[in-house]
Amino acid sequence: MLSQDGVEKSSAAVGGRCVGRGDGLCCAWLVVASSFVANGVMYGVSWSAGVFYDVFAQQFDTGSGLTALMTSLNTALMYGAGK
């Protein structure tokens, strides 16, 4: 999109238009906020596995070693996936 002074502006558009000021700033903050929430959920699920340790052991009827392996693999896969 060309501005009045002839300089091309790039904007992250949602549905063809950017919400807010029109220069992409609002869309950029939307990406930042959604990334923050996604990372919070991802780390929250991974690091809260210890809270549910006893529940996992009872539900799956496994010993402490296998239950620990299951919760450790969750964290290892998260970091192994490149996060």
Protein backbone atom coordinates (compact mmCIF):
# COMPACT_ATOMS: atom_id res chain seq x y z
CA MET A 1 0.00 0.00 0.00
CA LEU A 2 1.39 3.43 -0.89
CA SER A 3 1.13 6.26 1.59
CA GLN A 4 0.58 9.91 0.65
CA ASP A 5 4.32 10.55 0.41
CA GLY A 6 4.79 7.66 -2.04
CA VAL A 7 6.53 5.31 0.41
CA GLU A 8 5.22 1.79 0.38
CA LYS A 9 4.00 0.57 3.76
CA SER A 10 3.68 -3.06 4.68
CA SER A 11 1.04 -4.14 7.12
CA ALA A 12 0.02 -7.45 8.61
CA ALA A 13 -3.57 -7.65 7.53
CA VAL A 14 -6.29 -9.68 9.11
CA GLY A 15 -9.03 -10.36 6.60
CA GLY A 16 -7.57 -7.83 4.19
CA ARG A 17 -7.59 -4.96 6.68
CA CYS A 18 -5.67 -4.18 9.82
CA VAL A 19 -7.59 -3.30 12.92
CA GLY A 20 -6.72 0.00 14.54
CA ARG A 21 -4.47 2.69 13.13
CA GLY A 22 -4.05 1.05 9.76
CA ASP A 23 -0.25 0.87 9.79
CA GLY A 24 0.04 -2.67 11.16
CA LEU A 25 0.97 -1.61 14.69
CA CYS A 26 -2.21 -3.00 16.19
CA CYS A 27 -1.81 -6.28 14.31
CA ALA A 28 1.78 -6.56 15.56
CA TRP A 29 0.65 -6.21 19.17
CA LEU A 30 -2.02 -8.82 18.53
CA VAL A 31 0.68 -11.24 17.39
CA VAL A 32 2.81 -10.43 20.44
CA ALA A 33 -0.11 -10.95 22.84
CA SER A 34 -1.23 -14.19 21.23
CA SER A 35 2.35 -15.52 21.25
CA PHE A 36 2.63 -14.67 24.94
CA VAL A 37 -0.58 -16.56 25.72
CA ALA A 38 0.45 -19.55 23.58
CA ASN A 39 3.85 -19.79 25.30
CA GLY A 40 2.20 -19.45 28.71
CA VAL A 41 -0.16 -22.32 27.97
CA MET A 42 2.62 -24.46 26.52
CA TYR A 43 4.97 -23.98 29.47
CA GLY A 44 2.09 -24.24 31.93
CA VAL A 45 1.06 -27.64 30.60
CA SER A 46 4.64 -28.91 30.47
CA TRP A 47 5.78 -27.76 33.90
CA SER A 48 2.55 -28.61 35.72
CA ALA A 49 2.91 -32.32 34.92
CA GLY A 50 4.41 -32.84 38.38
CA VAL A 51 1.21 -31.60 40.00
CA PHE A 52 -0.72 -34.38 38.31
CA TYR A 53 1.93 -37.05 39.00
CA ASP A 54 -0.18 -39.01 41.50
CA VAL A 55 -3.26 -38.76 39.29
CA PHE A 56 -1.32 -40.13 36.30
CA ALA A 57 0.09 -42.98 38.39
CA GLN A 58 -3.36 -43.99 39.62
CA GLN A 59 -5.15 -43.51 36.31
CA PHE A 60 -2.67 -45.49 34.22
CA ASP A 61 -1.82 -47.93 37.03
CA THR A 62 1.94 -47.48 36.58
CA GLY A 63 4.87 -47.34 38.94
CA SER A 64 6.86 -44.27 39.85
CA GLY A 65 9.56 -44.86 37.21
CA LEU A 66 7.19 -45.15 34.26
CA THR A 67 5.11 -42.20 35.44
CA ALA A 68 8.26 -40.08 35.79
CA LEU A 69 9.34 -41.14 32.31
CA MET A 70 5.98 -40.07 30.89
CA THR A 71 6.16 -36.59 32.43
CA SER A 72 9.85 -36.22 31.47
CA LEU A 73 9.12 -37.14 27.85
CA ASN A 74 6.56 -34.36 27.72
CA THR A 75 9.19 -31.78 28.61
CA ALA A 76 11.86 -33.41 26.42
CA LEU A 77 9.57 -33.38 23.38
CA MET A 78 8.77 -29.71 23.97
CA TYR A 79 12.46 -28.77 23.97
CA GLY A 80 13.33 -31.27 21.26
CA ALA A 81 10.76 -29.73 18.94
CA GLY A 82 12.86 -26.57 18.89
CA LYS A 83 11.16 -24.42 21.46
